[in-house]
Amino acid sequence: AANEAKDNVRYLYTLDKYFGPLAQASPVTMMEQVPSLMNTVCM
């Protein structure tokens, strides 16, 4: 369980750079971020 949590935190931190800008985005700027966000989710 500890290894799972540690690993998940490590992977989710790769998405962290999208979370702040996504929260501040407009629908137009949000659409610019979606492809790279989804690529990271896929990774």
ModelCIF file with pLDDT and N, C-alpha, C, O atoms, coordinates in Angstrom:
data_MODEL
#
_entry.id   MODEL 
#
_entity.id                         1 
_entity.type                       polymer 
_entity.pdbx_number_of_molecules   1 
#
_entity_poly.entity_id                      1 
_entity_poly.type                           'polypeptide(L)' 
_entity_poly.nstd_linkage                   no 
_entity_poly.nstd_monomer                   no 
_entity_poly.pdbx_seq_one_letter_code       AANEAKDNVRYLYTLDKYFGPLAQASPVTMMEQVPSLMNTVCM 
_entity_poly.pdbx_seq_one_letter_code_can   AANEAKDNVRYLYTLDKYFGPLAQASPVTMMEQVPSLMNTVCM 
_entity_poly.pdbx_strand_id                 A 
#
loop_
_entity_poly_seq.entity_id 
_entity_poly_seq.num 
_entity_poly_seq.mon_id 
_entity_poly_seq.hetero 
1 1  ALA n 
1 2  ALA n 
1 3  ASN n 
1 4  GLU n 
1 5  ALA n 
1 6  LYS n 
1 7  ASP n 
1 8  ASN n 
1 9  VAL n 
1 10 ARG n 
1 11 TYR n 
1 12 LEU n 
1 13 TYR n 
1 14 THR n 
1 15 LEU n 
1 16 ASP n 
1 17 LYS n 
1 18 TYR n 
1 19 PHE n 
1 20 GLY n 
1 21 PRO n 
1 22 LEU n 
1 23 ALA n 
1 24 GLN n 
1 25 ALA n 
1 26 SER n 
1 27 PRO n 
1 28 VAL n 
1 29 THR n 
1 30 MET n 
1 31 MET n 
1 32 GLU n 
1 33 GLN n 
1 34 VAL n 
1 35 PRO n 
1 36 SER n 
1 37 LEU n 
1 38 MET n 
1 39 ASN n 
1 40 THR n 
1 41 VAL n 
1 42 CYS n 
1 43 MET n 
#
_struct_asym.id          A 
_struct_asym.entity_id   1 
#
loop_
_ma_qa_metric.id 
_ma_qa_metric.mode 
_ma_qa_metric.name 
_ma_qa_metric.software_group_id 
_ma_qa_metric.type 
1 global pLDDT . pLDDT 
2 local  pLDDT . pLDDT 
#
_ma_qa_metric_global.metric_id      1 
_ma_qa_metric_global.metric_value   92.81 
_ma_qa_metric_global.model_id       1 
_ma_qa_metric_global.ordinal_id     1 
#
loop_
_ma_qa_metric_local.label_asym_id 
_ma_qa_metric_local.label_comp_id 
_ma_qa_metric_local.label_seq_id 
_ma_qa_metric_local.metric_id 
_ma_qa_metric_local.metric_value 
_ma_qa_metric_local.model_id 
_ma_qa_metric_local.ordinal_id 
A ALA 1  2 94.00 1 1  
A ALA 2  2 95.00 1 2  
A ASN 3  2 96.00 1 3  
A GLU 4  2 96.00 1 4  
A ALA 5  2 96.00 1 5  
A LYS 6  2 97.00 1 6  
A ASP 7  2 97.00 1 7  
A ASN 8  2 96.00 1 8  
A VAL 9  2 97.00 1 9  
A ARG 10 2 96.00 1 10 
A TYR 11 2 96.00 1 11 
A LEU 12 2 95.00 1 12 
A TYR 13 2 94.00 1 13 
A THR 14 2 94.00 1 14 
A LEU 15 2 93.00 1 15 
A ASP 16 2 91.00 1 16 
A LYS 17 2 91.00 1 17 
A TYR 18 2 92.00 1 18 
A PHE 19 2 89.00 1 19 
A GLY 20 2 86.00 1 20 
A PRO 21 2 88.00 1 21 
A LEU 22 2 86.00 1 22 
A ALA 23 2 86.00 1 23 
A GLN 24 2 87.00 1 24 
A ALA 25 2 89.00 1 25 
A SER 26 2 90.00 1 26 
A PRO 27 2 91.00 1 27 
A VAL 28 2 90.00 1 28 
A THR 29 2 91.00 1 29 
A MET 30 2 91.00 1 30 
A MET 31 2 90.00 1 31 
A GLU 32 2 91.00 1 32 
A GLN 33 2 90.00 1 33 
A VAL 34 2 92.00 1 34 
A PRO 35 2 94.00 1 35 
A SER 36 2 94.00 1 36 
A LEU 37 2 95.00 1 37 
A MET 38 2 95.00 1 38 
A ASN 39 2 96.00 1 39 
A THR 40 2 96.00 1 40 
A VAL 41 2 96.00 1 41 
A CYS 42 2 96.00 1 42 
A MET 43 2 96.00 1 43 
#
loop_
_atom_site.group_PDB 
_atom_site.id 
_atom_site.type_symbol 
_atom_site.label_atom_id 
_atom_site.label_alt_id 
_atom_site.label_comp_id 
_atom_site.label_asym_id 
_atom_site.label_entity_id 
_atom_site.label_seq_id 
_atom_site.pdbx_PDB_ins_code 
_atom_site.Cartn_x 
_atom_site.Cartn_y 
_atom_site.Cartn_z 
_atom_site.occupancy 
_atom_site.B_iso_or_equiv 
_atom_site.pdbx_formal_charge 
_atom_site.auth_seq_id 
_atom_site.auth_comp_id 
_atom_site.auth_asym_id 
_atom_site.auth_atom_id 
_atom_site.pdbx_PDB_model_num 
ATOM 1   N N  . ALA A 1 1  ? 0.833   -1.206 0.000   1.00 94.00 ? 1  ALA A N  1 
ATOM 2   C CA . ALA A 1 1  ? 0.000   0.000  0.000   1.00 94.00 ? 1  ALA A CA 1 
ATOM 3   C C  . ALA A 1 1  ? 0.868   1.258  0.000   1.00 94.00 ? 1  ALA A C  1 
ATOM 4   O O  . ALA A 1 1  ? 0.551   2.232  -0.683  1.00 94.00 ? 1  ALA A O  1 
ATOM 5   N N  . ALA A 1 2  ? 1.954   1.240  0.759   1.00 95.00 ? 2  ALA A N  1 
ATOM 6   C CA . ALA A 1 2  ? 2.859   2.396  0.795   1.00 95.00 ? 2  ALA A CA 1 
ATOM 7   C C  . ALA A 1 2  ? 3.532   2.589  -0.560  1.00 95.00 ? 2  ALA A C  1 
ATOM 8   O O  . ALA A 1 2  ? 3.662   3.718  -1.034  1.00 95.00 ? 2  ALA A O  1 
ATOM 9   N N  . ASN A 1 3  ? 3.957   1.499  -1.182  1.00 96.00 ? 3  ASN A N  1 
ATOM 10  C CA . ASN A 1 3  ? 4.586   1.582  -2.502  1.00 96.00 ? 3  ASN A CA 1 
ATOM 11  C C  . ASN A 1 3  ? 3.600   2.087  -3.552  1.00 96.00 ? 3  ASN A C  1 
ATOM 12  O O  . ASN A 1 3  ? 3.960   2.883  -4.419  1.00 96.00 ? 3  ASN A O  1 
ATOM 13  N N  . GLU A 1 4  ? 2.352   1.620  -3.468  1.00 96.00 ? 4  GLU A N  1 
ATOM 14  C CA . GLU A 1 4  ? 1.324   2.077  -4.401  1.00 96.00 ? 4  GLU A CA 1 
ATOM 15  C C  . GLU A 1 4  ? 1.108   3.580  -4.268  1.00 96.00 ? 4  GLU A C  1 
ATOM 16  O O  . GLU A 1 4  ? 1.084   4.303  -5.264  1.00 96.00 ? 4  GLU A O  1 
ATOM 17  N N  . ALA A 1 5  ? 0.952   4.039  -3.041  1.00 96.00 ? 5  ALA A N  1 
ATOM 18  C CA . ALA A 1 5  ? 0.709   5.467  -2.813  1.00 96.00 ? 5  ALA A CA 1 
ATOM 19  C C  . ALA A 1 5  ? 1.897   6.301  -3.292  1.00 96.00 ? 5  ALA A C  1 
ATOM 20  O O  . ALA A 1 5  ? 1.717   7.332  -3.940  1.00 96.00 ? 5  ALA A O  1 
ATOM 21  N N  . LYS A 1 6  ? 3.102   5.853  -2.972  1.00 97.00 ? 6  LYS A N  1 
ATOM 22  C CA . LYS A 1 6  ? 4.312   6.584  -3.388  1.00 97.00 ? 6  LYS A CA 1 
ATOM 23  C C  . LYS A 1 6  ? 4.395   6.657  -4.913  1.00 97.00 ? 6  LYS A C  1 
ATOM 24  O O  . LYS A 1 6  ? 4.692   7.711  -5.475  1.00 97.00 ? 6  LYS A O  1 
ATOM 25  N N  . ASP A 1 7  ? 4.135   5.552  -5.566  1.00 97.00 ? 7  ASP A N  1 
ATOM 26  C CA . ASP A 1 7  ? 4.199   5.494  -7.025  1.00 97.00 ? 7  ASP A CA 1 
ATOM 27  C C  . ASP A 1 7  ? 3.115   6.384  -7.652  1.00 97.00 ? 7  ASP A C  1 
ATOM 28  O O  . ASP A 1 7  ? 3.374   7.098  -8.621  1.00 97.00 ? 7  ASP A O  1 
ATOM 29  N N  . ASN A 1 8  ? 1.913   6.334  -7.094  1.00 96.00 ? 8  ASN A N  1 
ATOM 30  C CA . ASN A 1 8  ? 0.825   7.145  -7.632  1.00 96.00 ? 8  ASN A CA 1 
ATOM 31  C C  . ASN A 1 8  ? 1.097   8.633  -7.459  1.00 96.00 ? 8  ASN A C  1 
ATOM 32  O O  . ASN A 1 8  ? 0.783   9.432  -8.342  1.00 96.00 ? 8  ASN A O  1 
ATOM 33  N N  . VAL A 1 9  ? 1.683   9.009  -6.320  1.00 97.00 ? 9  VAL A N  1 
ATOM 34  C CA . VAL A 1 9  ? 2.047   10.414 -6.118  1.00 97.00 ? 9  VAL A CA 1 
ATOM 35  C C  . VAL A 1 9  ? 3.074   10.832 -7.161  1.00 97.00 ? 9  VAL A C  1 
ATOM 36  O O  . VAL A 1 9  ? 2.978   11.915 -7.738  1.00 97.00 ? 9  VAL A O  1 
ATOM 37  N N  . ARG A 1 10 ? 4.051   9.976  -7.399  1.00 96.00 ? 10 ARG A N  1 
ATOM 38  C CA . ARG A 1 10 ? 5.099   10.290 -8.377  1.00 96.00 ? 10 ARG A CA 1 
ATOM 39  C C  . ARG A 1 10 ? 4.492   10.515 -9.765  1.00 96.00 ? 10 ARG A C  1 
ATOM 40  O O  . ARG A 1 10 ? 4.863   11.466 -10.452 1.00 96.00 ? 10 ARG A O  1 
ATOM 41  N N  . TYR A 1 11 ? 3.584   9.666  -10.172 1.00 96.00 ? 11 TYR A N  1 
ATOM 42  C CA . TYR A 1 11 ? 2.959   9.811  -11.497 1.00 96.00 ? 11 TYR A CA 1 
ATOM 43  C C  . TYR A 1 11 ? 2.009   11.010 -11.545 1.00 96.00 ? 11 TYR A C  1 
ATOM 44  O O  . TYR A 1 11 ? 1.981   11.738 -12.537 1.00 96.00 ? 11 TYR A O  1 
ATOM 45  N N  . LEU A 1 12 ? 1.237   11.216 -10.485 1.00 95.00 ? 12 LEU A N  1 
ATOM 46  C CA . LEU A 1 12 ? 0.294   12.337 -10.487 1.00 95.00 ? 12 LEU A CA 1 
ATOM 47  C C  . LEU A 1 12 ? 1.009   13.678 -10.452 1.00 95.00 ? 12 LEU A C  1 
ATOM 48  O O  . LEU A 1 12 ? 0.470   14.676 -10.929 1.00 95.00 ? 12 LEU A O  1 
ATOM 49  N N  . TYR A 1 13 ? 2.218   13.718 -9.892  1.00 94.00 ? 13 TYR A N  1 
ATOM 50  C CA . TYR A 1 13 ? 2.981   14.973 -9.915  1.00 94.00 ? 13 TYR A CA 1 
ATOM 51  C C  . TYR A 1 13 ? 3.300   15.394 -11.350 1.00 94.00 ? 13 TYR A C  1 
ATOM 52  O O  . TYR A 1 13 ? 3.506   16.580 -11.608 1.00 94.00 ? 13 TYR A O  1 
ATOM 53  N N  . THR A 1 14 ? 3.344   14.446 -12.285 1.00 94.00 ? 14 THR A N  1 
ATOM 54  C CA . THR A 1 14 ? 3.580   14.833 -13.686 1.00 94.00 ? 14 THR A CA 1 
ATOM 55  C C  . THR A 1 14 ? 2.389   15.610 -14.243 1.00 94.00 ? 14 THR A C  1 
ATOM 56  O O  . THR A 1 14 ? 2.524   16.335 -15.229 1.00 94.00 ? 14 THR A O  1 
ATOM 57  N N  . LEU A 1 15 ? 1.223   15.458 -13.614 1.00 93.00 ? 15 LEU A N  1 
ATOM 58  C CA . LEU A 1 15 ? 0.026   16.195 -14.046 1.00 93.00 ? 15 LEU A CA 1 
ATOM 59  C C  . LEU A 1 15 ? -0.130  17.517 -13.301 1.00 93.00 ? 15 LEU A C  1 
ATOM 60  O O  . LEU A 1 15 ? -0.884  18.393 -13.725 1.00 93.00 ? 15 LEU A O  1 
ATOM 61  N N  . ASP A 1 16 ? 0.580   17.652 -12.204 1.00 91.00 ? 16 ASP A N  1 
ATOM 62  C CA . ASP A 1 16 ? 0.407   18.824 -11.343 1.00 91.00 ? 16 ASP A CA 1 
ATOM 63  C C  . ASP A 1 16 ? 0.618   20.140 -12.097 1.00 91.00 ? 16 ASP A C  1 
ATOM 64  O O  . ASP A 1 16 ? -0.030  21.144 -11.801 1.00 91.00 ? 16 ASP A O  1 
ATOM 65  N N  . LYS A 1 17 ? 1.527   20.124 -13.071 1.00 91.00 ? 17 LYS A N  1 
ATOM 66  C CA . LYS A 1 17 ? 1.808   21.357 -13.822 1.00 91.00 ? 17 LYS A CA 1 
ATOM 67  C C  . LYS A 1 17 ? 0.602   21.814 -14.651 1.00 91.00 ? 17 LYS A C  1 
ATOM 68  O O  . LYS A 1 17 ? 0.542   22.970 -15.070 1.00 91.00 ? 17 LYS A O  1 
ATOM 69  N N  . TYR A 1 18 ? -0.358  20.911 -14.888 1.00 92.00 ? 18 TYR A N  1 
ATOM 70  C CA . TYR A 1 18 ? -1.562  21.264 -15.650 1.00 92.00 ? 18 TYR A CA 1 
ATOM 71  C C  . TYR A 1 18 ? -2.687  21.756 -14.739 1.00 92.00 ? 18 TYR A C  1 
ATOM 72  O O  . TYR A 1 18 ? -3.544  22.527 -15.171 1.00 92.00 ? 18 TYR A O  1 
ATOM 73  N N  . PHE A 1 19 ? -2.684  21.310 -13.472 1.00 89.00 ? 19 PHE A N  1 
ATOM 74  C CA . PHE A 1 19 ? -3.824  21.572 -12.598 1.00 89.00 ? 19 PHE A CA 1 
ATOM 75  C C  . PHE A 1 19 ? -4.025  23.055 -12.322 1.00 89.00 ? 19 PHE A C  1 
ATOM 76  O O  . PHE A 1 19 ? -5.152  23.544 -12.399 1.00 89.00 ? 19 PHE A O  1 
ATOM 77  N N  . GLY A 1 20 ? -2.953  23.781 -12.002 1.00 86.00 ? 20 GLY A N  1 
ATOM 78  C CA . GLY A 1 20 ? -3.062  25.213 -11.723 1.00 86.00 ? 20 GLY A CA 1 
ATOM 79  C C  . GLY A 1 20 ? -3.563  25.992 -12.929 1.00 86.00 ? 20 GLY A C  1 
ATOM 80  O O  . GLY A 1 20 ? -4.570  26.694 -12.836 1.00 86.00 ? 20 GLY A O  1 
ATOM 81  N N  . PRO A 1 21 ? -2.864  25.876 -14.077 1.00 88.00 ? 21 PRO A N  1 
ATOM 82  C CA . PRO A 1 21 ? -3.325  26.578 -15.277 1.00 88.00 ? 21 PRO A CA 1 
ATOM 83  C C  . PRO A 1 21 ? -4.740  26.163 -15.712 1.00 88.00 ? 21 PRO A C  1 
ATOM 84  O O  . PRO A 1 21 ? -5.507  26.984 -16.214 1.00 88.00 ? 21 PRO A O  1 
ATOM 85  N N  . LEU A 1 22 ? -5.074  24.887 -15.513 1.00 86.00 ? 22 LEU A N  1 
ATOM 86  C CA . LEU A 1 22 ? -6.412  24.432 -15.890 1.00 86.00 ? 22 LEU A CA 1 
ATOM 87  C C  . LEU A 1 22 ? -7.461  25.131 -15.027 1.00 86.00 ? 22 LEU A C  1 
ATOM 88  O O  . LEU A 1 22 ? -8.512  25.529 -15.528 1.00 86.00 ? 22 LEU A O  1 
ATOM 89  N N  . ALA A 1 23 ? -7.182  25.279 -13.744 1.00 86.00 ? 23 ALA A N  1 
ATOM 90  C CA . ALA A 1 23 ? -8.139  25.933 -12.842 1.00 86.00 ? 23 ALA A CA 1 
ATOM 91  C C  . ALA A 1 23 ? -8.337  27.409 -13.193 1.00 86.00 ? 23 ALA A C  1 
ATOM 92  O O  . ALA A 1 23 ? -9.395  27.975 -12.918 1.00 86.00 ? 23 ALA A O  1 
ATOM 93  N N  . GLN A 1 24 ? -7.320  28.034 -13.801 1.00 87.00 ? 24 GLN A N  1 
ATOM 94  C CA . GLN A 1 24 ? -7.377  29.469 -14.129 1.00 87.00 ? 24 GLN A CA 1 
ATOM 95  C C  . GLN A 1 24 ? -7.769  29.729 -15.583 1.00 87.00 ? 24 GLN A C  1 
ATOM 96  O O  . GLN A 1 24 ? -7.861  30.882 -16.004 1.00 87.00 ? 24 GLN A O  1 
ATOM 97  N N  . ALA A 1 25 ? -7.994  28.682 -16.337 1.00 89.00 ? 25 ALA A N  1 
ATOM 98  C CA . ALA A 1 25 ? -8.187  28.823 -17.785 1.00 89.00 ? 25 ALA A CA 1 
ATOM 99  C C  . ALA A 1 25 ? -9.584  29.320 -18.134 1.00 89.00 ? 25 ALA A C  1 
ATOM 100 O O  . ALA A 1 25 ? -10.515 29.284 -17.328 1.00 89.00 ? 25 ALA A O  1 
ATOM 101 N N  . SER A 1 26 ? -9.681  29.781 -19.367 1.00 90.00 ? 26 SER A N  1 
ATOM 102 C CA . SER A 1 26 ? -10.979 30.058 -19.971 1.00 90.00 ? 26 SER A CA 1 
ATOM 103 C C  . SER A 1 26 ? -11.266 28.854 -20.878 1.00 90.00 ? 26 SER A C  1 
ATOM 104 O O  . SER A 1 26 ? -10.370 28.043 -21.116 1.00 90.00 ? 26 SER A O  1 
ATOM 105 N N  . PRO A 1 27 ? -12.490 28.725 -21.383 1.00 91.00 ? 27 PRO A N  1 
ATOM 106 C CA . PRO A 1 27 ? -12.756 27.603 -22.281 1.00 91.00 ? 27 PRO A CA 1 
ATOM 107 C C  . PRO A 1 27 ? -11.796 27.554 -23.480 1.00 91.00 ? 27 PRO A C  1 
ATOM 108 O O  . PRO A 1 27 ? -11.438 26.468 -23.934 1.00 91.00 ? 27 PRO A O  1 
ATOM 109 N N  . VAL A 1 28 ? -11.386 28.696 -23.984 1.00 90.00 ? 28 VAL A N  1 
ATOM 110 C CA . VAL A 1 28 ? -10.476 28.728 -25.137 1.00 90.00 ? 28 VAL A CA 1 
ATOM 111 C C  . VAL A 1 28 ? -9.078  28.250 -24.742 1.00 90.00 ? 28 VAL A C  1 
ATOM 112 O O  . VAL A 1 28 ? -8.503  27.386 -25.404 1.00 90.00 ? 28 VAL A O  1 
ATOM 113 N N  . THR A 1 29 ? -8.535  28.817 -23.662 1.00 91.00 ? 29 THR A N  1 
ATOM 114 C CA . THR A 1 29 ? -7.179  28.415 -23.249 1.00 91.00 ? 29 THR A CA 1 
ATOM 115 C C  . THR A 1 29 ? -7.169  26.991 -22.710 1.00 91.00 ? 29 THR A C  1 
ATOM 116 O O  . THR A 1 29 ? -6.157  26.295 -22.800 1.00 91.00 ? 29 THR A O  1 
ATOM 117 N N  . MET A 1 30 ? -8.292  26.559 -22.152 1.00 91.00 ? 30 MET A N  1 
ATOM 118 C CA . MET A 1 30 ? -8.404  25.191 -21.664 1.00 91.00 ? 30 MET A CA 1 
ATOM 119 C C  . MET A 1 30 ? -8.206  24.205 -22.821 1.00 91.00 ? 30 MET A C  1 
ATOM 120 O O  . MET A 1 30 ? -7.529  23.189 -22.668 1.00 91.00 ? 30 MET A O  1 
ATOM 121 N N  . MET A 1 31 ? -8.792  24.508 -23.956 1.00 90.00 ? 31 MET A N  1 
ATOM 122 C CA . MET A 1 31 ? -8.704  23.609 -25.104 1.00 90.00 ? 31 MET A CA 1 
ATOM 123 C C  . MET A 1 31 ? -7.267  23.478 -25.606 1.00 90.00 ? 31 MET A C  1 
ATOM 124 O O  . MET A 1 31 ? -6.905  22.455 -26.187 1.00 90.00 ? 31 MET A O  1 
ATOM 125 N N  . GLU A 1 32 ? -6.453  24.499 -25.388 1.00 91.00 ? 32 GLU A N  1 
ATOM 126 C CA . GLU A 1 32 ? -5.045  24.422 -25.782 1.00 91.00 ? 32 GLU A CA 1 
ATOM 127 C C  . GLU A 1 32 ? -4.272  23.447 -24.889 1.00 91.00 ? 32 GLU A C  1 
ATOM 128 O O  . GLU A 1 32 ? -3.284  22.852 -25.317 1.00 91.00 ? 32 GLU A O  1 
ATOM 129 N N  . GLN A 1 33 ? -4.732  23.292 -23.649 1.00 90.00 ? 33 GLN A N  1 
ATOM 130 C CA . GLN A 1 33 ? -4.030  22.432 -22.687 1.00 90.00 ? 33 GLN A CA 1 
ATOM 131 C C  . GLN A 1 33 ? -4.465  20.970 -22.743 1.00 90.00 ? 33 GLN A C  1 
ATOM 132 O O  . GLN A 1 33 ? -3.718  20.084 -22.330 1.00 90.00 ? 33 GLN A O  1 
ATOM 133 N N  . VAL A 1 34 ? -5.648  20.722 -23.243 1.00 92.00 ? 34 VAL A N  1 
ATOM 134 C CA . VAL A 1 34 ? -6.213  19.373 -23.195 1.00 92.00 ? 34 VAL A CA 1 
ATOM 135 C C  . VAL A 1 34 ? -5.353  18.317 -23.902 1.00 92.00 ? 34 VAL A C  1 
ATOM 136 O O  . VAL A 1 34 ? -5.153  17.246 -23.328 1.00 92.00 ? 34 VAL A O  1 
ATOM 137 N N  . PRO A 1 35 ? -4.836  18.554 -25.109 1.00 94.00 ? 35 PRO A N  1 
ATOM 138 C CA . PRO A 1 35 ? -4.055  17.490 -25.752 1.00 94.00 ? 35 PRO A CA 1 
ATOM 139 C C  . PRO A 1 35 ? -2.831  17.040 -24.940 1.00 94.00 ? 35 PRO A C  1 
ATOM 140 O O  . PRO A 1 35 ? -2.598  15.841 -24.790 1.00 94.00 ? 35 PRO A O  1 
ATOM 141 N N  . SER A 1 36 ? -2.060  17.985 -24.424 1.00 94.00 ? 36 SER A N  1 
ATOM 142 C CA . SER A 1 36 ? -0.873  17.571 -23.652 1.00 94.00 ? 36 SER A CA 1 
ATOM 143 C C  . SER A 1 36 ? -1.280  16.951 -22.319 1.00 94.00 ? 36 SER A C  1 
ATOM 144 O O  . SER A 1 36 ? -0.622  16.027 -21.840 1.00 94.00 ? 36 SER A O  1 
ATOM 145 N N  . LEU A 1 37 ? -2.347  17.446 -21.721 1.00 95.00 ? 37 LEU A N  1 
ATOM 146 C CA . LEU A 1 37 ? -2.864  16.843 -20.492 1.00 95.00 ? 37 LEU A CA 1 
ATOM 147 C C  . LEU A 1 37 ? -3.270  15.392 -20.738 1.00 95.00 ? 37 LEU A C  1 
ATOM 148 O O  . LEU A 1 37 ? -2.923  14.505 -19.959 1.00 95.00 ? 37 LEU A O  1 
ATOM 149 N N  . MET A 1 38 ? -4.003  15.158 -21.817 1.00 95.00 ? 38 MET A N  1 
ATOM 150 C CA . MET A 1 38 ? -4.453  13.791 -22.126 1.00 95.00 ? 38 MET A CA 1 
ATOM 151 C C  . MET A 1 38 ? -3.284  12.869 -22.494 1.00 95.00 ? 38 MET A C  1 
ATOM 152 O O  . MET A 1 38 ? -3.298  11.680 -22.175 1.00 95.00 ? 38 MET A O  1 
ATOM 153 N N  . ASN A 1 39 ? -2.282  13.425 -23.162 1.00 96.00 ? 39 ASN A N  1 
ATOM 154 C CA . ASN A 1 39 ? -1.087  12.621 -23.452 1.00 96.00 ? 39 ASN A CA 1 
ATOM 155 C C  . ASN A 1 39 ? -0.401  12.178 -22.166 1.00 96.00 ? 39 ASN A C  1 
ATOM 156 O O  . ASN A 1 39 ? 0.066   11.043 -22.067 1.00 96.00 ? 39 ASN A O  1 
ATOM 157 N N  . THR A 1 40 ? -0.340  13.063 -21.191 1.00 96.00 ? 40 THR A N  1 
ATOM 158 C CA . THR A 1 40 ? 0.276   12.715 -19.915 1.00 96.00 ? 40 THR A CA 1 
ATOM 159 C C  . THR A 1 40 ? -0.568  11.685 -19.170 1.00 96.00 ? 40 THR A C  1 
ATOM 160 O O  . THR A 1 40 ? -0.018  10.763 -18.568 1.00 96.00 ? 40 THR A O  1 
ATOM 161 N N  . VAL A 1 41 ? -1.882  11.824 -19.200 1.00 96.00 ? 41 VAL A N  1 
ATOM 162 C CA . VAL A 1 41 ? -2.768  10.831 -18.589 1.00 96.00 ? 41 VAL A CA 1 
ATOM 163 C C  . VAL A 1 41 ? -2.560  9.475  -19.257 1.00 96.00 ? 41 VAL A C  1 
ATOM 164 O O  . VAL A 1 41 ? -2.509  8.447  -18.583 1.00 96.00 ? 41 VAL A O  1 
ATOM 165 N N  . CYS A 1 42 ? -2.442  9.478  -20.573 1.00 96.00 ? 42 CYS A N  1 
ATOM 166 C CA . CYS A 1 42 ? -2.200  8.235  -21.322 1.00 96.00 ? 42 CYS A CA 1 
ATOM 167 C C  . CYS A 1 42 ? -0.864  7.611  -20.916 1.00 96.00 ? 42 CYS A C  1 
ATOM 168 O O  . CYS A 1 42 ? -0.767  6.396  -20.747 1.00 96.00 ? 42 CYS A O  1 
ATOM 169 N N  . MET A 1 43 ? 0.165   8.451  -20.761 1.00 96.00 ? 43 MET A N  1 
ATOM 170 C CA . MET A 1 43 ? 1.476   7.960  -20.330 1.00 96.00 ? 43 MET A CA 1 
ATOM 171 C C  . MET A 1 43 ? 1.367   7.302  -18.956 1.00 96.00 ? 43 MET A C  1 
ATOM 172 O O  . MET A 1 43 ? 2.367   6.825  -18.419 1.00 96.00 ? 43 MET A O  1 
#
